[in-house]
Amino acid sequence: MGDGRRRIGTAERRARLALRHRLADTARAAVPEEVAGALVALHGTDPATVYLAVAARVADAARAVPETERALYEDRTLVRMHGMRHTVFVFPTELTAVVHASTGLTVAARERASLVKDMAAAGAPDAAWLAEVEASALAALARRGQATAAELTADEPRLRVQFAYAAGRSYEGVHTVSSRLLRVLGVEGKVVRGRPLGSWTSSRFRWAPAPPHPELDPAAAQAGLLERWLRACGPATEADLKWWTGWRVTEVRRALAAIGAHEVALEEGTGFVAAGDLDPVAAPGRPWAALLPALDPTAMAWQRRDWYLPDELRPELFDRSGNVGPTVWWNGRVVGGWAQRADGGIVWRIADAGVRREAEPAVAAEAERLRGWLGATRVTPRFRTPLERELSA
C-alpha cells in the first residue's frame, strides 16, 4: 500500500474466521460458554439458531443441546436478552452490563416513551398507573423465579388491559399492556428470556428476572464491547462496526479511538483491528467444512461480505429482509446451502462443480454429524430462504 499500514488480505481474514469462530475442526470448543465468548453473541431471534451454532463449533455436538440448556437455565452463564439493533441475542452473562449500557439504554428510552404515548393516545391509563403495574409484575416475577406472560397476568390482572394502537391506519390493532410492557422491561435490562415452553426449538419463552449488573458509563461500555467484537471479528470496516452495533458513526469512531484500534488496509478500503492484533494469522493445518444455521453469527457478522460470500449465491441464501439461511462453508467462504427434510435427512447443494468435488467428503461428514445429533428433532428456520425451501421440499 505504501502508507505503512499492515495489509490483511482475504486469505488471512478467512484464517482468522476459521480459528476465532471455532469453525475449523482443530479449533472446536469444549462447552457453549467458549463458543459464545469467542463470538461475543449468538443470534437468538430463532431459538434453534443458538443450539445449531453451538453444535457446529463444539467437539461433541451430541452434547450441544443439554450443555446449552445448562448454561442458559441452570448455571446462568449465558443469558438471552435484547442487544444490538434491538435484536435478541445470547451473551455471556458477564457481558450483561456492557450490552445494556452500550446499546440498550437509548433503545429502552424510546420504547418506554412510545408505550406511554400509545397508551395516552388510546385513552388508556397513564404513566403513573403503568409504573404501579410494572412494580407489581416484577415483584410477582421475583416470587415465581420464572413465569409466562399468562402466569404474570394471573398475579397482576391489570396486565390484561388492552388499548387501541394506530387507530384509523392500515396497521391498526389492539395491544395488551402485558406484551408491550414485558418487551420494554426486556430492553431496559430488567427481565430476560427464561426456559421455553416445550423443546429447545420453541419460541414461546418464560420470563425471568435479569441477572444483577452494575450501571456502567455508556461510552466506556461501547469501547469495551467494540474491542471484544474486534478481537473476535476483526479486521472490520467502520461500516461493519456501525452495522453490527447499530450505533451512530460518531459513537463507533469514539469507541475506536478509546481502545486504540489499529488501522489496516483491506481490499475494500480501511479496516480496523484491536490493539496488539497485527500479527499474521496462518490458516488451519487442514481444510475444513461447516454447516451453519440460519442467522448464524458468523454469516451475519459483517455488512461487507464479499470476502466470504459470492454475489451469485445471495439471492438463494437470503430472504427479502436480509436474513441469511442455512449455509455450507468450505475453508472460510460460503459455497452453498443446506436444509433438513421431513424424514430428517440433511441435504446440501454446492453450485460450483470444482468446489463440490473438492469439498464433498468433508461436507458430507458434517451433514452426517448434524443428522446424527438432531435425531428425531425437525428444525425449520424462522426466516425461510429460497434454497432452504427448495432443498427441504
Protein backbone atom coordinates (compact mmCIF):
# COMPACT_ATOMS: atom_id res chain seq x y z
CA MET A 1 0.00 0.00 0.00
CA GLY A 2 2.91 2.34 0.59
CA ASP A 3 1.30 4.13 3.59
CA GLY A 4 2.80 1.98 6.34
CA ARG A 5 -0.44 0.22 7.22
CA ARG A 6 -0.47 -3.54 7.51
CA ARG A 7 -2.42 -5.19 4.72
CA ILE A 8 -4.74 -8.05 5.62
CA GLY A 9 -5.92 -9.98 2.59
CA THR A 10 -8.85 -12.30 2.05
CA ALA A 11 -6.86 -15.46 2.83
CA GLU A 12 -5.85 -14.20 6.26
CA ARG A 13 -9.34 -12.93 7.03
CA ARG A 14 -10.67 -16.42 6.32
CA ALA A 15 -7.97 -17.92 8.53
CA ARG A 16 -8.93 -15.63 11.40
CA LEU A 17 -12.59 -16.57 10.91
CA ALA A 18 -11.81 -20.29 10.92
CA LEU A 19 -9.86 -20.19 14.16
CA ARG A 20 -11.50 -17.43 16.16
CA HIS A 21 -15.04 -18.51 15.34
CA ARG A 22 -14.21 -22.11 16.28
CA LEU A 23 -15.13 -23.47 12.85
CA ALA A 24 -12.01 -25.37 11.85
CA ASP A 25 -12.15 -28.84 13.37
CA THR A 26 -8.82 -28.18 15.10
CA ALA A 27 -10.31 -25.11 16.86
CA ARG A 28 -13.55 -26.53 18.21
CA ALA A 29 -14.67 -25.60 21.70
CA ALA A 30 -15.48 -27.84 24.64
CA VAL A 31 -18.57 -26.06 26.02
CA PRO A 32 -21.16 -23.48 24.85
CA GLU A 33 -19.64 -20.77 27.03
CA GLU A 34 -16.46 -20.95 24.96
CA VAL A 35 -18.46 -20.58 21.75
CA ALA A 36 -20.40 -17.56 23.00
CA GLY A 37 -17.25 -15.99 24.35
CA ALA A 38 -15.45 -16.48 21.06
CA LEU A 39 -18.28 -14.92 19.03
CA VAL A 40 -19.38 -12.31 21.61
CA ALA A 41 -23.05 -13.03 20.84
CA LEU A 42 -25.19 -15.79 19.37
CA HIS A 43 -28.17 -14.63 17.34
CA GLY A 44 -31.27 -15.59 19.32
CA THR A 45 -34.26 -14.44 17.24
CA ASP A 46 -34.72 -18.01 16.05
CA PRO A 47 -34.33 -20.21 19.16
CA ALA A 48 -32.87 -23.14 17.21
CA THR A 49 -30.04 -21.00 15.84
CA VAL A 50 -28.36 -20.84 19.25
CA TYR A 51 -28.15 -24.62 19.58
CA LEU A 52 -27.22 -25.27 15.95
CA ALA A 53 -24.49 -22.60 16.09
CA VAL A 54 -23.05 -24.14 19.24
CA ALA A 55 -23.21 -27.68 17.84
CA ALA A 56 -21.30 -26.63 14.73
CA ARG A 57 -18.45 -25.38 16.91
CA VAL A 58 -18.06 -27.86 19.77
CA ALA A 59 -16.13 -31.09 19.67
CA ASP A 60 -19.06 -33.17 20.97
CA ALA A 61 -22.11 -32.00 19.00
CA ALA A 62 -24.32 -34.59 20.72
CA ARG A 63 -23.91 -32.62 23.98
CA ALA A 64 -24.76 -29.23 22.44
CA VAL A 65 -28.42 -29.13 23.50
CA PRO A 66 -28.11 -30.27 27.14
CA GLU A 67 -24.96 -28.23 27.66
CA THR A 68 -26.50 -25.09 26.21
CA GLU A 69 -29.61 -25.57 28.34
CA ARG A 70 -27.37 -25.99 31.38
CA ALA A 71 -25.56 -22.74 30.59
CA LEU A 72 -28.78 -20.81 29.92
CA TYR A 73 -31.14 -22.12 32.58
CA GLU A 74 -29.15 -23.80 35.34
CA ASP A 75 -25.72 -22.19 35.68
CA ARG A 76 -26.93 -18.96 34.02
CA THR A 77 -23.50 -18.43 32.49
CA LEU A 78 -25.29 -17.46 29.27
CA VAL A 79 -28.28 -15.11 29.04
CA ARG A 80 -30.82 -14.44 26.30
CA MET A 81 -31.58 -10.71 26.14
CA HIS A 82 -32.11 -7.77 23.82
CA GLY A 83 -28.89 -6.38 22.40
CA MET A 84 -27.61 -4.74 19.26
CA ARG A 85 -30.09 -3.45 16.67
CA HIS A 86 -32.99 -4.15 19.04
CA THR A 87 -32.44 -7.87 18.42
CA VAL A 88 -32.41 -10.81 20.84
CA PHE A 89 -29.02 -12.47 21.33
CA VAL A 90 -27.46 -14.94 23.73
CA PHE A 91 -24.48 -13.38 25.54
CA PRO A 92 -22.00 -14.50 28.17
CA THR A 93 -23.58 -13.33 31.42
CA GLU A 94 -20.57 -11.19 32.27
CA LEU A 95 -21.44 -9.01 29.26
CA THR A 96 -24.94 -8.16 30.54
CA ALA A 97 -23.96 -4.77 31.95
CA VAL A 98 -21.81 -3.90 28.93
CA VAL A 99 -24.54 -4.72 26.43
CA HIS A 100 -27.20 -2.89 28.41
CA ALA A 101 -25.16 0.29 28.82
CA SER A 102 -23.69 0.29 25.31
CA THR A 103 -26.79 -0.45 23.27
CA GLY A 104 -29.86 -0.87 25.47
CA LEU A 105 -30.28 2.47 27.23
CA THR A 106 -31.10 4.56 24.17
CA VAL A 107 -33.46 1.98 22.72
CA ALA A 108 -35.11 1.46 26.11
CA ALA A 109 -35.89 5.17 26.50
CA ARG A 110 -37.54 5.22 23.06
CA GLU A 111 -39.54 2.06 23.76
CA ARG A 112 -40.93 3.31 27.08
CA ALA A 113 -41.80 6.71 25.64
CA SER A 114 -43.54 5.01 22.74
CA LEU A 115 -45.59 2.80 25.07
CA VAL A 116 -46.69 5.74 27.24
CA LYS A 117 -47.55 7.78 24.12
CA ASP A 118 -49.56 4.96 22.53
CA MET A 119 -51.50 4.35 25.75
CA ALA A 120 -52.28 8.05 26.12
CA ALA A 121 -53.47 8.30 22.52
CA ALA A 122 -55.87 5.42 23.15
CA GLY A 123 -57.18 6.88 26.40
CA ALA A 124 -55.56 4.10 28.43
CA PRO A 125 -54.23 4.66 31.98
CA ASP A 126 -51.27 6.99 32.45
CA ALA A 127 -47.56 6.55 33.22
CA ALA A 128 -48.11 6.51 36.99
CA TRP A 129 -50.57 3.64 36.63
CA LEU A 130 -48.10 1.83 34.35
CA ALA A 131 -45.31 2.23 36.92
CA GLU A 132 -47.52 0.70 39.60
CA VAL A 133 -48.39 -2.27 37.37
CA GLU A 134 -44.74 -2.71 36.45
CA ALA A 135 -43.64 -2.84 40.09
CA SER A 136 -46.33 -5.39 40.87
CA ALA A 137 -45.42 -7.55 37.85
CA LEU A 138 -41.70 -7.51 38.69
CA ALA A 139 -42.47 -8.50 42.28
CA ALA A 140 -44.58 -11.39 41.03
CA LEU A 141 -41.80 -12.50 38.70
CA ALA A 142 -39.29 -12.37 41.55
CA ARG A 143 -41.54 -14.59 43.66
CA ARG A 144 -42.01 -17.13 40.87
CA GLY A 145 -38.44 -17.11 39.56
CA GLN A 146 -39.67 -17.68 36.00
CA ALA A 147 -43.12 -17.12 34.54
CA THR A 148 -45.07 -16.87 31.33
CA ALA A 149 -46.98 -13.71 30.48
CA ALA A 150 -50.20 -15.57 31.30
CA GLU A 151 -48.91 -16.52 34.76
CA LEU A 152 -47.88 -12.94 35.47
CA THR A 153 -51.28 -11.74 34.31
CA ALA A 154 -52.92 -14.10 36.79
CA ASP A 155 -50.84 -12.47 39.54
CA GLU A 156 -51.37 -8.92 38.25
CA PRO A 157 -54.72 -8.73 36.37
CA ARG A 158 -54.10 -5.16 35.21
CA LEU A 159 -51.63 -6.59 32.69
CA ARG A 160 -54.71 -7.74 30.73
CA VAL A 161 -55.70 -4.16 29.91
CA GLN A 162 -55.95 -3.61 26.17
CA PHE A 163 -55.63 -0.41 24.15
CA ALA A 164 -56.06 0.53 20.51
CA TYR A 165 -52.91 1.05 18.50
CA ALA A 166 -52.61 3.27 15.40
CA ALA A 167 -56.37 3.75 15.16
CA GLY A 168 -57.53 4.64 11.68
CA ARG A 169 -54.37 3.44 9.97
CA SER A 170 -53.84 0.41 7.78
CA TYR A 171 -51.87 -1.33 10.53
CA GLU A 172 -54.18 -0.53 13.44
CA GLY A 173 -54.64 -3.17 16.07
CA VAL A 174 -55.18 -3.90 19.73
CA HIS A 175 -52.24 -4.26 22.10
CA THR A 176 -52.16 -5.62 25.63
CA VAL A 177 -50.22 -4.00 28.42
CA SER A 178 -48.52 -7.33 29.18
CA SER A 179 -46.93 -7.80 25.75
CA ARG A 180 -45.77 -4.22 25.38
CA LEU A 181 -44.58 -3.79 28.96
CA LEU A 182 -42.60 -7.04 29.04
CA ARG A 183 -40.88 -6.00 25.83
CA VAL A 184 -39.94 -2.65 27.36
CA LEU A 185 -38.66 -4.34 30.52
CA GLY A 186 -36.56 -6.66 28.37
CA VAL A 187 -34.94 -3.79 26.51
CA GLU A 188 -34.39 -1.97 29.81
CA GLY A 189 -32.47 -4.96 31.14
CA LYS A 190 -34.92 -5.73 33.94
CA VAL A 191 -36.11 -9.09 32.59
CA VAL A 192 -34.63 -11.71 30.27
CA ARG A 193 -35.95 -14.73 28.39
CA GLY A 194 -36.13 -17.85 30.54
CA ARG A 195 -36.69 -21.51 29.74
CA PRO A 196 -39.07 -22.07 26.79
CA LEU A 197 -42.38 -23.85 26.90
CA GLY A 198 -41.66 -27.05 25.05
CA SER A 199 -38.40 -28.15 23.44
CA TRP A 200 -35.28 -26.18 22.57
CA THR A 201 -36.79 -25.24 19.20
CA SER A 202 -39.79 -23.49 20.81
CA SER A 203 -40.18 -19.72 20.51
CA ARG A 204 -42.59 -19.46 23.48
CA PHE A 205 -40.41 -18.35 26.37
CA ARG A 206 -40.94 -17.77 30.03
CA TRP A 207 -39.61 -14.55 31.52
CA ALA A 208 -37.05 -14.34 34.32
CA PRO A 209 -35.50 -11.52 36.36
CA ALA A 210 -32.36 -10.18 34.72
CA PRO A 211 -29.05 -11.04 36.39
CA PRO A 212 -27.93 -8.19 38.67
CA HIS A 213 -25.43 -5.94 36.97
CA PRO A 214 -23.76 -2.61 37.72
CA GLU A 215 -24.64 0.56 35.85
CA LEU A 216 -21.75 1.40 33.51
CA ASP A 217 -20.77 4.54 31.68
CA PRO A 218 -22.23 4.17 28.16
CA ALA A 219 -19.11 5.38 26.35
CA ALA A 220 -16.88 3.03 28.33
CA ALA A 221 -19.29 0.16 27.72
CA GLN A 222 -19.29 0.87 23.99
CA ALA A 223 -15.50 0.82 23.95
CA GLY A 224 -15.45 -2.48 25.81
CA LEU A 225 -17.99 -4.15 23.52
CA LEU A 226 -16.30 -2.88 20.37
CA GLU A 227 -12.91 -4.14 21.48
CA ARG A 228 -14.29 -7.57 22.30
CA TRP A 229 -16.02 -7.79 18.93
CA LEU A 230 -12.92 -6.67 17.02
CA ARG A 231 -10.85 -9.38 18.71
CA ALA A 232 -13.44 -11.91 17.51
CA CYS A 233 -14.22 -10.49 14.08
CA GLY A 234 -11.50 -8.03 13.15
CA PRO A 235 -10.48 -6.74 10.79
CA ALA A 236 -13.68 -4.87 10.05
CA THR A 237 -14.58 -1.62 8.36
CA GLU A 238 -16.27 1.32 10.02
CA ALA A 239 -19.42 0.37 8.09
CA ASP A 240 -19.23 -3.18 9.50
CA LEU A 241 -18.94 -1.85 13.03
CA LYS A 242 -21.79 0.62 12.63
CA TRP A 243 -24.00 -2.11 11.17
CA TRP A 244 -23.26 -4.74 13.83
CA THR A 245 -23.62 -2.40 16.81
CA GLY A 246 -26.46 -0.26 15.49
CA TRP A 247 -24.68 2.82 16.87
CA ARG A 248 -24.18 6.22 15.28
CA VAL A 249 -20.96 6.59 13.34
CA THR A 250 -19.74 9.16 15.88
CA GLU A 251 -20.12 6.56 18.64
CA VAL A 252 -18.20 3.98 16.60
CA ARG A 253 -15.36 6.42 15.98
CA ARG A 254 -15.22 7.43 19.63
CA ALA A 255 -15.01 3.79 20.71
CA LEU A 256 -12.30 3.02 18.14
CA ALA A 257 -10.23 5.91 19.45
CA ALA A 258 -10.80 4.86 23.07
CA ILE A 259 -9.46 1.34 22.53
CA GLY A 260 -6.51 2.41 20.37
CA ALA A 261 -7.61 0.33 17.40
CA HIS A 262 -5.11 -0.06 14.56
CA GLU A 263 -5.97 0.93 11.02
CA VAL A 264 -5.23 -1.77 8.45
CA ALA A 265 -5.61 -1.98 4.69
CA LEU A 266 -8.32 -4.27 3.34
CA GLU A 267 -9.31 -4.96 -0.23
CA GLU A 268 -12.42 -2.79 0.23
CA GLY A 269 -10.55 0.04 1.98
CA THR A 270 -9.65 0.92 5.55
CA GLY A 271 -10.32 -1.60 8.28
CA PHE A 272 -9.60 -1.86 11.99
CA VAL A 273 -8.18 -4.44 14.37
CA ALA A 274 -7.88 -4.30 18.14
CA ALA A 275 -4.68 -3.04 19.72
CA GLY A 276 -1.94 -5.67 19.53
CA ASP A 277 -3.74 -7.75 16.90
CA LEU A 278 -1.48 -7.03 13.93
CA ASP A 279 0.46 -10.30 13.88
CA PRO A 280 -0.22 -12.54 10.85
CA VAL A 281 -2.61 -15.46 11.38
CA ALA A 282 -1.90 -18.65 9.48
CA ALA A 283 -4.62 -20.86 8.06
CA PRO A 284 -5.62 -24.05 9.91
CA GLY A 285 -3.43 -27.05 9.27
CA ARG A 286 -6.01 -28.84 7.13
CA PRO A 287 -9.12 -27.97 5.08
CA TRP A 288 -12.40 -27.63 6.94
CA ALA A 289 -16.12 -27.59 6.26
CA ALA A 290 -19.07 -26.36 8.31
CA LEU A 291 -22.86 -26.39 8.06
CA LEU A 292 -24.04 -23.23 9.80
CA PRO A 293 -27.66 -22.44 10.66
CA ALA A 294 -29.90 -19.62 9.55
CA LEU A 295 -28.91 -16.32 11.22
CA ASP A 296 -25.57 -17.75 12.27
CA PRO A 297 -23.41 -15.06 13.92
CA THR A 298 -20.50 -15.67 11.54
CA ALA A 299 -22.57 -15.33 8.38
CA MET A 300 -24.24 -12.19 9.76
CA ALA A 301 -21.21 -10.57 11.41
CA TRP A 302 -20.12 -8.13 8.69
CA GLN A 303 -22.01 -5.74 6.45
CA ARG A 304 -19.48 -6.14 3.64
CA ARG A 305 -19.42 -9.86 2.87
CA ASP A 306 -17.68 -10.08 -0.50
CA TRP A 307 -14.59 -11.70 1.02
CA TYR A 308 -16.53 -14.78 2.15
CA LEU A 309 -19.85 -14.71 0.28
CA PRO A 310 -20.05 -14.63 -3.55
CA ASP A 311 -22.67 -12.29 -5.01
CA GLU A 312 -24.20 -15.05 -7.11
CA LEU A 313 -25.20 -17.05 -4.02
CA ARG A 314 -27.01 -14.26 -2.21
CA PRO A 315 -30.44 -14.50 -3.89
CA GLU A 316 -30.77 -18.15 -2.88
CA LEU A 317 -29.36 -17.81 0.63
CA PHE A 318 -31.08 -14.65 1.93
CA ASP A 319 -34.71 -13.69 2.36
CA ARG A 320 -36.09 -10.31 1.29
CA SER A 321 -35.33 -8.77 4.69
CA GLY A 322 -31.65 -9.69 4.58
CA ASN A 323 -31.80 -12.71 6.89
CA VAL A 324 -29.36 -15.45 5.92
CA GLY A 325 -30.49 -19.05 5.70
CA PRO A 326 -28.51 -22.25 6.38
CA THR A 327 -25.08 -22.10 4.71
CA VAL A 328 -22.36 -24.53 3.68
CA TRP A 329 -18.80 -23.32 4.31
CA TRP A 330 -15.54 -24.52 2.82
CA ASN A 331 -12.22 -23.10 4.04
CA GLY A 332 -13.59 -19.77 5.16
CA ARG A 333 -16.16 -18.98 2.48
CA VAL A 334 -19.79 -19.76 1.79
CA VAL A 335 -20.12 -22.22 -1.09
CA GLY A 336 -23.74 -23.33 -0.81
CA GLY A 337 -26.69 -24.07 1.41
CA TRP A 338 -28.35 -26.95 3.26
CA ALA A 339 -31.71 -27.97 4.71
CA GLN A 340 -33.36 -30.70 6.73
CA ARG A 341 -36.06 -32.77 5.04
CA ALA A 342 -39.16 -34.13 6.73
CA ASP A 343 -37.52 -37.55 7.08
CA GLY A 344 -34.61 -35.99 8.99
CA GLY A 345 -32.12 -36.20 6.14
CA ILE A 346 -29.66 -33.35 5.72
CA VAL A 347 -29.41 -32.25 2.08
CA TRP A 348 -26.99 -29.71 0.71
CA ARG A 349 -26.01 -28.08 -2.54
CA ILE A 350 -22.76 -26.59 -3.81
CA ALA A 351 -23.24 -24.95 -7.20
CA ASP A 352 -19.60 -24.85 -8.32
CA ALA A 353 -18.66 -28.30 -9.63
CA GLY A 354 -14.96 -27.92 -8.87
CA VAL A 355 -15.60 -26.85 -5.29
CA ARG A 356 -18.17 -29.62 -4.89
CA ARG A 357 -15.65 -32.31 -5.89
CA GLU A 358 -13.04 -30.91 -3.53
CA ALA A 359 -15.33 -30.31 -0.55
CA GLU A 360 -17.81 -33.20 -0.84
CA PRO A 361 -16.19 -35.67 1.58
CA ALA A 362 -15.82 -33.08 4.35
CA VAL A 363 -19.27 -31.56 3.80
CA ALA A 364 -20.88 -34.99 3.74
CA ALA A 365 -19.18 -35.81 7.04
CA GLU A 366 -20.52 -32.60 8.60
CA ALA A 367 -24.00 -33.36 7.26
CA GLU A 368 -23.90 -36.79 8.85
CA ARG A 369 -22.63 -35.30 12.11
CA LEU A 370 -25.56 -32.87 12.11
CA ARG A 371 -28.10 -35.57 11.21
CA GLY A 372 -26.77 -37.80 13.93
CA TRP A 373 -27.19 -35.42 16.84
CA LEU A 374 -30.50 -33.96 15.63
CA GLY A 375 -32.07 -37.42 15.59
CA ALA A 376 -35.86 -37.13 15.59
CA THR A 377 -35.84 -33.34 16.00
CA ARG A 378 -37.06 -31.34 12.99
CA VAL A 379 -35.86 -27.78 12.55
CA THR A 380 -37.45 -25.25 10.21
CA PRO A 381 -35.79 -21.81 10.13
CA ARG A 382 -37.96 -18.95 11.30
CA PHE A 383 -37.00 -16.92 8.24
CA ARG A 384 -37.07 -19.20 5.22
CA THR A 385 -34.91 -18.63 2.17
CA PRO A 386 -35.31 -19.81 -1.43
CA LEU A 387 -32.69 -22.57 -1.39
CA GLU A 388 -33.74 -23.87 2.03
CA ARG A 389 -37.34 -24.15 0.85
CA GLU A 390 -36.29 -25.94 -2.32
CA LEU A 391 -33.96 -28.42 -0.61
CA SER A 392 -36.36 -29.26 2.21
CA ALA A 393 -39.31 -29.98 -0.12
